[in-house]
PDB file of all heavy atoms in Angstrom:
ATOM      1  N   GLY A   1       2.976 -11.593   7.749  1.00  0.00           N
ATOM      2  CA  GLY A   1       2.317 -12.055   8.998  1.00  0.00           C
ATOM      3  C   GLY A   1       1.861 -10.845   9.839  1.00  0.00           C
ATOM      4  O   GLY A   1       1.164 -11.045  10.853  1.00  0.00           O
ATOM      5  N   ARG A   2       2.318  -9.632   9.524  1.00  0.00           N
ATOM      6  CA  ARG A   2       1.988  -8.421  10.262  1.00  0.00           C
ATOM      7  C   ARG A   2       1.192  -7.400   9.404  1.00  0.00           C
ATOM      8  O   ARG A   2       0.346  -6.707   9.998  1.00  0.00           O
ATOM      9  CB  ARG A   2       3.266  -7.763  10.793  1.00  0.00           C
ATOM     10  CG  ARG A   2       4.081  -8.617  11.766  1.00  0.00           C
ATOM     11  CD  ARG A   2       5.232  -7.794  12.406  1.00  0.00           C
ATOM     12  NE  ARG A   2       6.197  -7.361  11.353  1.00  0.00           N
ATOM     13  CZ  ARG A   2       6.487  -6.093  11.127  1.00  0.00           C
ATOM     14  NH1 ARG A   2       5.912  -5.132  11.821  1.00  0.00           N
ATOM     15  NH2 ARG A   2       7.344  -5.766  10.240  1.00  0.00           N
ATOM     16  N   PHE A   3       1.487  -7.316   8.188  1.00  0.00           N
ATOM     17  CA  PHE A   3       0.821  -6.405   7.319  1.00  0.00           C
ATOM     18  C   PHE A   3      -0.088  -7.108   6.296  1.00  0.00           C
ATOM     19  O   PHE A   3       0.201  -8.229   5.874  1.00  0.00           O
ATOM     20  CB  PHE A   3       1.830  -5.623   6.445  1.00  0.00           C
ATOM     21  CG  PHE A   3       2.707  -4.649   7.108  1.00  0.00           C
ATOM     22  CD1 PHE A   3       2.705  -4.658   8.615  1.00  0.00           C
ATOM     23  CD2 PHE A   3       3.523  -3.814   6.526  1.00  0.00           C
ATOM     24  CE1 PHE A   3       3.475  -3.800   9.293  1.00  0.00           C
ATOM     25  CE2 PHE A   3       4.290  -2.896   7.188  1.00  0.00           C
ATOM     26  CZ  PHE A   3       4.378  -2.887   8.547  1.00  0.00           C
ATOM     27  N   THR A   4      -1.227  -6.470   6.047  1.00  0.00           N
ATOM     28  CA  THR A   4      -2.170  -7.056   5.084  1.00  0.00           C
ATOM     29  C   THR A   4      -2.584  -5.976   4.037  1.00  0.00           C
ATOM     30  O   THR A   4      -2.967  -4.910   4.395  1.00  0.00           O
ATOM     31  CB  THR A   4      -3.455  -7.539   5.763  1.00  0.00           C
ATOM     32  OG1 THR A   4      -3.135  -8.532   6.657  1.00  0.00           O
ATOM     33  CG2 THR A   4      -4.437  -8.183   4.773  1.00  0.00           C
ATOM     34  N   ILE A   5      -2.489  -6.377   2.737  1.00  0.00           N
ATOM     35  CA  ILE A   5      -2.885  -5.454   1.677  1.00  0.00           C
ATOM     36  C   ILE A   5      -4.258  -5.867   1.160  1.00  0.00           C
ATOM     37  O   ILE A   5      -4.529  -7.028   1.065  1.00  0.00           O
ATOM     38  CB  ILE A   5      -1.852  -5.361   0.547  1.00  0.00           C
ATOM     39  CG1 ILE A   5      -2.174  -4.233  -0.428  1.00  0.00           C
ATOM     40  CG2 ILE A   5      -1.652  -6.704  -0.116  1.00  0.00           C
ATOM     41  CD1 ILE A   5      -1.031  -4.001  -1.475  1.00  0.00           C
ATOM     42  N   SER A   6      -5.040  -4.872   0.754  1.00  0.00           N
ATOM     43  CA  SER A   6      -6.408  -5.169   0.200  1.00  0.00           C
ATOM     44  C   SER A   6      -6.758  -4.043  -0.634  1.00  0.00           C
ATOM     45  O   SER A   6      -6.088  -2.977  -0.740  1.00  0.00           O
ATOM     46  CB  SER A   6      -7.453  -5.331   1.354  1.00  0.00           C
ATOM     47  OG  SER A   6      -7.537  -4.181   2.107  1.00  0.00           O
ATOM     48  N   ARG A   7      -7.840  -4.148  -1.439  1.00  0.00           N
ATOM     49  CA  ARG A   7      -8.282  -3.133  -2.361  1.00  0.00           C
ATOM     50  C   ARG A   7      -9.747  -3.115  -2.547  1.00  0.00           C
ATOM     51  O   ARG A   7     -10.420  -4.103  -2.271  1.00  0.00           O
ATOM     52  CB  ARG A   7      -7.576  -3.346  -3.751  1.00  0.00           C
ATOM     53  CG  ARG A   7      -7.975  -4.569  -4.524  1.00  0.00           C
ATOM     54  CD  ARG A   7      -7.190  -4.774  -5.704  1.00  0.00           C
ATOM     55  NE  ARG A   7      -7.216  -3.778  -6.736  1.00  0.00           N
ATOM     56  CZ  ARG A   7      -6.353  -3.563  -7.655  1.00  0.00           C
ATOM     57  NH1 ARG A   7      -5.267  -4.296  -7.774  1.00  0.00           N
ATOM     58  NH2 ARG A   7      -6.572  -2.565  -8.522  1.00  0.00           N
ATOM     59  N   ASP A   8     -10.253  -1.995  -2.979  1.00  0.00           N
ATOM     60  CA  ASP A   8     -11.655  -1.764  -3.268  1.00  0.00           C
ATOM     61  C   ASP A   8     -11.678  -1.173  -4.629  1.00  0.00           C
ATOM     62  O   ASP A   8     -11.516   0.080  -4.796  1.00  0.00           O
ATOM     63  CB  ASP A   8     -12.362  -0.871  -2.277  1.00  0.00           C
ATOM     64  CG  ASP A   8     -13.824  -0.739  -2.498  1.00  0.00           C
ATOM     65  OD1 ASP A   8     -14.325  -1.051  -3.548  1.00  0.00           O
ATOM     66  OD2 ASP A   8     -14.546  -0.365  -1.518  1.00  0.00           O
ATOM     67  N   ASN A   9     -11.880  -1.956  -5.653  1.00  0.00           N
ATOM     68  CA  ASN A   9     -11.899  -1.469  -7.074  1.00  0.00           C
ATOM     69  C   ASN A   9     -12.901  -0.398  -7.378  1.00  0.00           C
ATOM     70  O   ASN A   9     -12.738   0.457  -8.168  1.00  0.00           O
ATOM     71  CB  ASN A   9     -11.955  -2.598  -8.063  1.00  0.00           C
ATOM     72  CG  ASN A   9     -10.702  -3.432  -8.183  1.00  0.00           C
ATOM     73  OD1 ASN A   9      -9.643  -2.926  -7.789  1.00  0.00           O
ATOM     74  ND2 ASN A   9     -10.776  -4.660  -8.557  1.00  0.00           N
ATOM     75  N   ALA A  10     -14.089  -0.499  -6.706  1.00  0.00           N
ATOM     76  CA  ALA A  10     -15.137   0.503  -6.962  1.00  0.00           C
ATOM     77  C   ALA A  10     -14.744   1.851  -6.428  1.00  0.00           C
ATOM     78  O   ALA A  10     -15.250   2.901  -6.935  1.00  0.00           O
ATOM     79  CB  ALA A  10     -16.372   0.062  -6.147  1.00  0.00           C
ATOM     80  N   LYS A  11     -13.735   1.928  -5.529  1.00  0.00           N
ATOM     81  CA  LYS A  11     -13.293   3.202  -5.058  1.00  0.00           C
ATOM     82  C   LYS A  11     -11.843   3.579  -5.487  1.00  0.00           C
ATOM     83  O   LYS A  11     -11.275   4.578  -5.059  1.00  0.00           O
ATOM     84  CB  LYS A  11     -13.249   3.202  -3.519  1.00  0.00           C
ATOM     85  CG  LYS A  11     -14.666   3.007  -2.915  1.00  0.00           C
ATOM     86  CD  LYS A  11     -14.613   2.995  -1.356  1.00  0.00           C
ATOM     87  CE  LYS A  11     -16.016   2.765  -0.807  1.00  0.00           C
ATOM     88  NZ  LYS A  11     -15.959   2.687   0.689  1.00  0.00           N
ATOM     89  N   ASN A  12     -11.291   2.756  -6.417  1.00  0.00           N
ATOM     90  CA  ASN A  12      -9.946   2.944  -6.853  1.00  0.00           C
ATOM     91  C   ASN A  12      -8.971   3.124  -5.641  1.00  0.00           C
ATOM     92  O   ASN A  12      -8.077   3.952  -5.682  1.00  0.00           O
ATOM     93  CB  ASN A  12      -9.813   4.112  -7.803  1.00  0.00           C
ATOM     94  CG  ASN A  12     -10.319   3.826  -9.142  1.00  0.00           C
ATOM     95  OD1 ASN A  12     -10.407   2.709  -9.632  1.00  0.00           O
ATOM     96  ND2 ASN A  12     -10.638   4.882  -9.925  1.00  0.00           N
ATOM     97  N   THR A  13      -9.124   2.259  -4.667  1.00  0.00           N
ATOM     98  CA  THR A  13      -8.436   2.423  -3.447  1.00  0.00           C
ATOM     99  C   THR A  13      -7.702   1.165  -2.994  1.00  0.00           C
ATOM    100  O   THR A  13      -8.265   0.094  -3.187  1.00  0.00           O
ATOM    101  CB  THR A  13      -9.319   2.918  -2.274  1.00  0.00           C
ATOM    102  OG1 THR A  13      -9.956   4.124  -2.635  1.00  0.00           O
ATOM    103  CG2 THR A  13      -8.667   3.123  -0.979  1.00  0.00           C
ATOM    104  N   VAL A  14      -6.544   1.305  -2.508  1.00  0.00           N
ATOM    105  CA  VAL A  14      -5.763   0.174  -1.934  1.00  0.00           C
ATOM    106  C   VAL A  14      -5.434   0.482  -0.495  1.00  0.00           C
ATOM    107  O   VAL A  14      -5.074   1.695  -0.182  1.00  0.00           O
ATOM    108  CB  VAL A  14      -4.468  -0.075  -2.766  1.00  0.00           C
ATOM    109  CG1 VAL A  14      -3.499   1.107  -2.782  1.00  0.00           C
ATOM    110  CG2 VAL A  14      -3.836  -1.368  -2.230  1.00  0.00           C
ATOM    111  N   TYR A  15      -5.447  -0.439   0.363  1.00  0.00           N
ATOM    112  CA  TYR A  15      -5.203  -0.286   1.788  1.00  0.00           C
ATOM    113  C   TYR A  15      -4.024  -1.130   2.262  1.00  0.00           C
ATOM    114  O   TYR A  15      -3.660  -2.104   1.655  1.00  0.00           O
ATOM    115  CB  TYR A  15      -6.408  -0.752   2.585  1.00  0.00           C
ATOM    116  CG  TYR A  15      -7.689  -0.049   2.167  1.00  0.00           C
ATOM    117  CD1 TYR A  15      -8.554  -0.669   1.317  1.00  0.00           C
ATOM    118  CD2 TYR A  15      -8.061   1.228   2.727  1.00  0.00           C
ATOM    119  CE1 TYR A  15      -9.805  -0.022   0.960  1.00  0.00           C
ATOM    120  CE2 TYR A  15      -9.227   1.788   2.346  1.00  0.00           C
ATOM    121  CZ  TYR A  15     -10.090   1.216   1.480  1.00  0.00           C
ATOM    122  OH  TYR A  15     -11.277   1.809   1.125  1.00  0.00           O
ATOM    123  N   LEU A  16      -3.385  -0.716   3.316  1.00  0.00           N
ATOM    124  CA  LEU A  16      -2.376  -1.451   4.041  1.00  0.00           C
ATOM    125  C   LEU A  16      -2.665  -1.368   5.487  1.00  0.00           C
ATOM    126  O   LEU A  16      -2.468  -0.444   6.143  1.00  0.00           O
ATOM    127  CB  LEU A  16      -0.946  -0.932   3.697  1.00  0.00           C
ATOM    128  CG  LEU A  16       0.152  -1.720   4.242  1.00  0.00           C
ATOM    129  CD1 LEU A  16       0.303  -3.075   3.539  1.00  0.00           C
ATOM    130  CD2 LEU A  16       1.483  -0.928   4.162  1.00  0.00           C
ATOM    131  N   GLN A  17      -3.038  -2.556   6.052  1.00  0.00           N
ATOM    132  CA  GLN A  17      -3.292  -2.718   7.444  1.00  0.00           C
ATOM    133  C   GLN A  17      -1.942  -3.188   8.133  1.00  0.00           C
ATOM    134  O   GLN A  17      -1.476  -4.198   7.727  1.00  0.00           O
ATOM    135  CB  GLN A  17      -4.398  -3.703   7.732  1.00  0.00           C
ATOM    136  CG  GLN A  17      -4.663  -3.942   9.229  1.00  0.00           C
ATOM    137  CD  GLN A  17      -5.205  -2.702   9.929  1.00  0.00           C
ATOM    138  OE1 GLN A  17      -6.129  -2.084   9.455  1.00  0.00           O
ATOM    139  NE2 GLN A  17      -4.630  -2.368  11.081  1.00  0.00           N
ATOM    140  N   MET A  18      -1.425  -2.352   8.925  1.00  0.00           N
ATOM    141  CA  MET A  18      -0.112  -2.658   9.625  1.00  0.00           C
ATOM    142  C   MET A  18      -0.401  -2.901  11.093  1.00  0.00           C
ATOM    143  O   MET A  18      -0.834  -2.043  11.829  1.00  0.00           O
ATOM    144  CB  MET A  18       0.809  -1.466   9.363  1.00  0.00           C
ATOM    145  CG  MET A  18       1.024  -1.059   7.889  1.00  0.00           C
ATOM    146  SD  MET A  18       2.306   0.204   7.698  1.00  0.00           S
ATOM    147  CE  MET A  18       1.459   1.573   8.547  1.00  0.00           C
ATOM    148  N   ASN A  19      -0.083  -4.097  11.508  1.00  0.00           N
ATOM    149  CA  ASN A  19      -0.169  -4.544  12.914  1.00  0.00           C
ATOM    150  C   ASN A  19       1.179  -4.894  13.554  1.00  0.00           C
ATOM    151  O   ASN A  19       2.136  -5.201  12.843  1.00  0.00           O
ATOM    152  CB  ASN A  19      -1.134  -5.733  13.048  1.00  0.00           C
ATOM    153  CG  ASN A  19      -2.518  -5.444  12.556  1.00  0.00           C
ATOM    154  OD1 ASN A  19      -3.061  -4.366  12.762  1.00  0.00           O
ATOM    155  ND2 ASN A  19      -3.152  -6.504  11.931  1.00  0.00           N
ATOM    156  N   ASN A  20       1.250  -4.804  14.789  1.00  0.00           N
ATOM    157  CA  ASN A  20       2.464  -5.204  15.544  1.00  0.00           C
ATOM    158  C   ASN A  20       3.698  -4.391  14.974  1.00  0.00           C
ATOM    159  O   ASN A  20       4.750  -4.994  14.648  1.00  0.00           O
ATOM    160  CB  ASN A  20       2.756  -6.705  15.437  1.00  0.00           C
ATOM    161  CG  ASN A  20       3.868  -7.095  16.389  1.00  0.00           C
ATOM    162  OD1 ASN A  20       4.143  -6.472  17.457  1.00  0.00           O
ATOM    163  ND2 ASN A  20       4.507  -8.249  16.099  1.00  0.00           N
ATOM    164  N   LEU A  21       3.526  -3.092  14.838  1.00  0.00           N
ATOM    165  CA  LEU A  21       4.512  -2.272  14.256  1.00  0.00           C
ATOM    166  C   LEU A  21       5.785  -2.314  15.129  1.00  0.00           C
ATOM    167  O   LEU A  21       5.760  -2.312  16.337  1.00  0.00           O
ATOM    168  CB  LEU A  21       4.011  -0.838  14.042  1.00  0.00           C
ATOM    169  CG  LEU A  21       3.043  -0.718  12.838  1.00  0.00           C
ATOM    170  CD1 LEU A  21       2.264   0.541  13.024  1.00  0.00           C
ATOM    171  CD2 LEU A  21       3.866  -0.678  11.580  1.00  0.00           C
ATOM    172  N   LYS A  22       6.971  -2.237  14.391  1.00  0.00           N
ATOM    173  CA  LYS A  22       8.221  -2.179  15.021  1.00  0.00           C
ATOM    174  C   LYS A  22       9.029  -0.883  14.612  1.00  0.00           C
ATOM    175  O   LYS A  22       8.685  -0.360  13.607  1.00  0.00           O
ATOM    176  CB  LYS A  22       9.056  -3.430  14.538  1.00  0.00           C
ATOM    177  CG  LYS A  22       8.430  -4.768  14.809  1.00  0.00           C
ATOM    178  CD  LYS A  22       9.189  -5.889  14.282  1.00  0.00           C
ATOM    179  CE  LYS A  22       8.560  -7.231  14.567  1.00  0.00           C
ATOM    180  NZ  LYS A  22       9.331  -8.399  13.989  1.00  0.00           N
ATOM    181  N   PRO A  23       9.947  -0.504  15.395  1.00  0.00           N
ATOM    182  CA  PRO A  23      10.786   0.664  15.104  1.00  0.00           C
ATOM    183  C   PRO A  23      11.330   0.611  13.673  1.00  0.00           C
ATOM    184  O   PRO A  23      11.444   1.639  13.056  1.00  0.00           O
ATOM    185  CB  PRO A  23      11.792   0.816  16.185  1.00  0.00           C
ATOM    186  CG  PRO A  23      11.216   0.171  17.307  1.00  0.00           C
ATOM    187  CD  PRO A  23      10.341  -1.026  16.774  1.00  0.00           C
ATOM    188  N   GLU A  24      11.764  -0.581  13.260  1.00  0.00           N
ATOM    189  CA  GLU A  24      12.348  -0.653  11.927  1.00  0.00           C
ATOM    190  C   GLU A  24      11.380  -0.534  10.832  1.00  0.00           C
ATOM    191  O   GLU A  24      11.703  -0.497   9.656  1.00  0.00           O
ATOM    192  CB  GLU A  24      13.105  -2.009  11.832  1.00  0.00           C
ATOM    193  CG  GLU A  24      12.246  -3.209  12.202  1.00  0.00           C
ATOM    194  CD  GLU A  24      12.562  -3.717  13.663  1.00  0.00           C
ATOM    195  OE1 GLU A  24      12.672  -2.764  14.518  1.00  0.00           O
ATOM    196  OE2 GLU A  24      12.679  -4.811  13.899  1.00  0.00           O
ATOM    197  N   ASP A  25      10.132  -0.433  11.113  1.00  0.00           N
ATOM    198  CA  ASP A  25       9.069  -0.101  10.100  1.00  0.00           C
ATOM    199  C   ASP A  25       8.991   1.339   9.764  1.00  0.00           C
ATOM    200  O   ASP A  25       8.251   1.771   8.874  1.00  0.00           O
ATOM    201  CB  ASP A  25       7.657  -0.630  10.566  1.00  0.00           C
ATOM    202  CG  ASP A  25       7.596  -2.078  10.678  1.00  0.00           C
ATOM    203  OD1 ASP A  25       8.182  -2.855   9.806  1.00  0.00           O
ATOM    204  OD2 ASP A  25       6.961  -2.653  11.681  1.00  0.00           O
ATOM    205  N   THR A  26       9.645   2.191  10.534  1.00  0.00           N
ATOM    206  CA  THR A  26       9.740   3.588  10.324  1.00  0.00           C
ATOM    207  C   THR A  26      10.191   3.945   8.981  1.00  0.00           C
ATOM    208  O   THR A  26      11.301   3.532   8.590  1.00  0.00           O
ATOM    209  CB  THR A  26      10.490   4.317  11.420  1.00  0.00           C
ATOM    210  OG1 THR A  26       9.874   4.125  12.717  1.00  0.00           O
ATOM    211  CG2 THR A  26      10.593   5.803  11.152  1.00  0.00           C
ATOM    212  N   ALA A  27       9.396   4.659   8.178  1.00  0.00           N
ATOM    213  CA  ALA A  27       9.763   4.978   6.789  1.00  0.00           C
ATOM    214  C   ALA A  27       8.655   5.873   6.192  1.00  0.00           C
ATOM    215  O   ALA A  27       7.640   6.050   6.794  1.00  0.00           O
ATOM    216  CB  ALA A  27       9.923   3.737   5.992  1.00  0.00           C
ATOM    217  N   VAL A  28       8.979   6.360   5.047  1.00  0.00           N
ATOM    218  CA  VAL A  28       7.934   6.980   4.200  1.00  0.00           C
ATOM    219  C   VAL A  28       7.295   5.926   3.358  1.00  0.00           C
ATOM    220  O   VAL A  28       8.057   5.201   2.623  1.00  0.00           O
ATOM    221  CB  VAL A  28       8.504   8.130   3.340  1.00  0.00           C
ATOM    222  CG1 VAL A  28       7.372   8.716   2.430  1.00  0.00           C
ATOM    223  CG2 VAL A  28       9.078   9.227   4.173  1.00  0.00           C
ATOM    224  N   TYR A  29       5.994   5.731   3.373  1.00  0.00           N
ATOM    225  CA  TYR A  29       5.381   4.661   2.649  1.00  0.00           C
ATOM    226  C   TYR A  29       4.721   5.231   1.406  1.00  0.00           C
ATOM    227  O   TYR A  29       3.962   6.264   1.416  1.00  0.00           O
ATOM    228  CB  TYR A  29       4.277   4.007   3.484  1.00  0.00           C
ATOM    229  CG  TYR A  29       4.884   3.104   4.510  1.00  0.00           C
ATOM    230  CD1 TYR A  29       5.622   3.515   5.599  1.00  0.00           C
ATOM    231  CD2 TYR A  29       4.712   1.706   4.362  1.00  0.00           C
ATOM    232  CE1 TYR A  29       6.147   2.671   6.515  1.00  0.00           C
ATOM    233  CE2 TYR A  29       5.346   0.845   5.264  1.00  0.00           C
ATOM    234  CZ  TYR A  29       6.005   1.322   6.363  1.00  0.00           C
ATOM    235  OH  TYR A  29       6.603   0.444   7.251  1.00  0.00           O
ATOM    236  N   TYR A  30       5.051   4.664   0.278  1.00  0.00           N
ATOM    237  CA  TYR A  30       4.632   5.166  -1.034  1.00  0.00           C
ATOM    238  C   TYR A  30       3.631   4.221  -1.715  1.00  0.00           C
ATOM    239  O   TYR A  30       3.884   3.038  -1.706  1.00  0.00           O
ATOM    240  CB  TYR A  30       5.788   5.356  -1.990  1.00  0.00           C
ATOM    241  CG  TYR A  30       6.811   6.429  -1.559  1.00  0.00           C
ATOM    242  CD1 TYR A  30       7.849   6.136  -0.780  1.00  0.00           C
ATOM    243  CD2 TYR A  30       6.608   7.804  -1.990  1.00  0.00           C
ATOM    244  CE1 TYR A  30       8.815   7.103  -0.382  1.00  0.00           C
ATOM    245  CE2 TYR A  30       7.471   8.746  -1.592  1.00  0.00           C
ATOM    246  CZ  TYR A  30       8.576   8.404  -0.773  1.00  0.00           C
ATOM    247  OH  TYR A  30       9.446   9.373  -0.466  1.00  0.00           O
ATOM    248  N   CYS A  31       2.561   4.719  -2.233  1.00  0.00           N
ATOM    249  CA  CYS A  31       1.614   3.994  -3.032  1.00  0.00           C
ATOM    250  C   CYS A  31       2.135   3.813  -4.462  1.00  0.00           C
ATOM    251  O   CYS A  31       2.744   4.754  -5.012  1.00  0.00           O
ATOM    252  CB  CYS A  31       0.254   4.644  -3.006  1.00  0.00           C
ATOM    253  SG  CYS A  31      -1.032   3.737  -3.861  1.00  0.00           S
ATOM    254  N   HIS A  32       1.875   2.672  -5.006  1.00  0.00           N
ATOM    255  CA  HIS A  32       2.323   2.399  -6.411  1.00  0.00           C
ATOM    256  C   HIS A  32       1.194   1.765  -7.143  1.00  0.00           C
ATOM    257  O   HIS A  32       0.389   1.011  -6.679  1.00  0.00           O
ATOM    258  CB  HIS A  32       3.486   1.342  -6.292  1.00  0.00           C
ATOM    259  CG  HIS A  32       3.831   0.691  -7.577  1.00  0.00           C
ATOM    260  ND1 HIS A  32       3.190  -0.429  -8.057  1.00  0.00           N
ATOM    261  CD2 HIS A  32       4.805   0.974  -8.522  1.00  0.00           C
ATOM    262  CE1 HIS A  32       3.700  -0.803  -9.255  1.00  0.00           C
ATOM    263  NE2 HIS A  32       4.668   0.085  -9.501  1.00  0.00           N
ATOM    264  N   ALA A  33       1.067   2.200  -8.470  1.00  0.00           N
ATOM    265  CA  ALA A  33       0.088   1.561  -9.341  1.00  0.00           C
ATOM    266  C   ALA A  33       0.591   1.511 -10.759  1.00  0.00           C
ATOM    267  O   ALA A  33       1.452   2.349 -11.108  1.00  0.00           O
ATOM    268  CB  ALA A  33      -1.269   2.411  -9.313  1.00  0.00           C
ATOM    269  N   GLN A  34       0.108   0.585 -11.509  1.00  0.00           N
ATOM    270  CA  GLN A  34       0.589   0.439 -12.938  1.00  0.00           C
ATOM    271  C   GLN A  34      -0.590   0.214 -13.876  1.00  0.00           C
ATOM    272  O   GLN A  34      -0.755  -0.836 -14.435  1.00  0.00           O
ATOM    273  CB  GLN A  34       1.597  -0.712 -13.020  1.00  0.00           C
ATOM    274  CG  GLN A  34       2.374  -0.817 -14.298  1.00  0.00           C
ATOM    275  CD  GLN A  34       3.432  -1.854 -14.227  1.00  0.00           C
ATOM    276  OE1 GLN A  34       3.759  -2.439 -13.233  1.00  0.00           O
ATOM    277  NE2 GLN A  34       4.021  -2.085 -15.365  1.00  0.00           N
ATOM    278  N   PRO A  35      -1.391   1.223 -14.093  1.00  0.00           N
ATOM    279  CA  PRO A  35      -2.501   1.151 -15.040  1.00  0.00           C
ATOM    280  C   PRO A  35      -1.954   1.360 -16.443  1.00  0.00           C
ATOM    281  O   PRO A  35      -1.076   2.163 -16.679  1.00  0.00           O
ATOM    282  CB  PRO A  35      -3.424   2.289 -14.612  1.00  0.00           C
ATOM    283  CG  PRO A  35      -2.503   3.332 -14.069  1.00  0.00           C
ATOM    284  CD  PRO A  35      -1.395   2.546 -13.370  1.00  0.00           C
ATOM    285  N   ALA A  36      -2.505   0.540 -17.371  1.00  0.00           N
ATOM    286  CA  ALA A  36      -2.109   0.665 -18.749  1.00  0.00           C
ATOM    287  C   ALA A  36      -0.617   0.586 -18.990  1.00  0.00           C
ATOM    288  O   ALA A  36      -0.075   1.170 -19.986  1.00  0.00           O
ATOM    289  CB  ALA A  36      -2.632   1.947 -19.386  1.00  0.00           C
ATOM    290  N   GLY A  37       0.113  -0.108 -18.195  1.00  0.00           N
ATOM    291  CA  GLY A  37       1.544  -0.314 -18.295  1.00  0.00           C
ATOM    292  C   GLY A  37       2.425   0.763 -17.925  1.00  0.00           C
ATOM    293  O   GLY A  37       3.657   0.683 -18.166  1.00  0.00           O
ATOM    294  N   ILE A  38       1.917   1.860 -17.376  1.00  0.00           N
ATOM    295  CA  ILE A  38       2.633   3.009 -16.930  1.00  0.00           C
ATOM    296  C   ILE A  38       2.683   3.052 -15.362  1.00  0.00           C
ATOM    297  O   ILE A  38       1.647   2.918 -14.731  1.00  0.00           O
ATOM    298  CB  ILE A  38       2.113   4.256 -17.444  1.00  0.00           C
ATOM    299  CG1 ILE A  38       1.999   4.268 -18.979  1.00  0.00           C
ATOM    300  CG2 ILE A  38       2.903   5.542 -16.964  1.00  0.00           C
ATOM    301  CD1 ILE A  38       1.324   5.435 -19.616  1.00  0.00           C
ATOM    302  N   VAL A  39       3.940   3.278 -14.841  1.00  0.00           N
ATOM    303  CA  VAL A  39       4.012   3.224 -13.388  1.00  0.00           C
ATOM    304  C   VAL A  39       3.853   4.625 -12.798  1.00  0.00           C
ATOM    305  O   VAL A  39       4.365   5.606 -13.277  1.00  0.00           O
ATOM    306  CB  VAL A  39       5.501   2.658 -13.013  1.00  0.00           C
ATOM    307  CG1 VAL A  39       5.667   2.784 -11.515  1.00  0.00           C
ATOM    308  CG2 VAL A  39       5.634   1.287 -13.454  1.00  0.00           C
ATOM    309  N   TYR A  40       3.065   4.634 -11.692  1.00  0.00           N
ATOM    310  CA  TYR A  40       2.828   5.904 -11.002  1.00  0.00           C
ATOM    311  C   TYR A  40       3.141   5.704  -9.465  1.00  0.00           C
ATOM    312  O   TYR A  40       2.943   4.582  -8.915  1.00  0.00           O
ATOM    313  CB  TYR A  40       1.376   6.349 -11.142  1.00  0.00           C
ATOM    314  CG  TYR A  40       0.990   6.697 -12.595  1.00  0.00           C
ATOM    315  CD1 TYR A  40       0.409   5.733 -13.411  1.00  0.00           C
ATOM    316  CD2 TYR A  40       1.230   7.987 -13.105  1.00  0.00           C
ATOM    317  CE1 TYR A  40       0.024   6.014 -14.692  1.00  0.00           C
ATOM    318  CE2 TYR A  40       0.962   8.306 -14.406  1.00  0.00           C
ATOM    319  CZ  TYR A  40       0.343   7.318 -15.202  1.00  0.00           C
ATOM    320  OH  TYR A  40       0.019   7.640 -16.519  1.00  0.00           O
ATOM    321  N   TRP A  41       3.550   6.828  -8.880  1.00  0.00           N
ATOM    322  CA  TRP A  41       3.868   6.889  -7.462  1.00  0.00           C
ATOM    323  C   TRP A  41       3.069   7.982  -6.780  1.00  0.00           C
ATOM    324  O   TRP A  41       2.947   9.014  -7.353  1.00  0.00           O
ATOM    325  CB  TRP A  41       5.410   7.052  -7.247  1.00  0.00           C
ATOM    326  CG  TRP A  41       6.241   5.890  -7.757  1.00  0.00           C
ATOM    327  CD1 TRP A  41       6.828   5.874  -8.991  1.00  0.00           C
ATOM    328  CD2 TRP A  41       6.554   4.773  -7.032  1.00  0.00           C
ATOM    329  NE1 TRP A  41       7.579   4.724  -9.071  1.00  0.00           N
ATOM    330  CE2 TRP A  41       7.407   3.964  -7.890  1.00  0.00           C
ATOM    331  CE3 TRP A  41       6.324   4.262  -5.822  1.00  0.00           C
ATOM    332  CZ2 TRP A  41       7.971   2.750  -7.526  1.00  0.00           C
ATOM    333  CZ3 TRP A  41       6.784   2.986  -5.436  1.00  0.00           C
ATOM    334  CH2 TRP A  41       7.636   2.281  -6.275  1.00  0.00           C
ATOM    335  N   GLY A  42       2.720   7.724  -5.566  1.00  0.00           N
ATOM    336  CA  GLY A  42       2.162   8.788  -4.687  1.00  0.00           C
ATOM    337  C   GLY A  42       3.279   9.598  -4.047  1.00  0.00           C
ATOM    338  O   GLY A  42       4.476   9.334  -4.261  1.00  0.00           O
TER     339      GLY A  42
END
């Protein structure tokens, strides 16, 4: 209800829109992808 994930495949890009942020949202945010069955992290 606060965050929305979306993607643009033409740009190989994923987005995270974060609204109504709370102090408990404080963290390091990591991107994740699994092309060809292999997991990668940003």
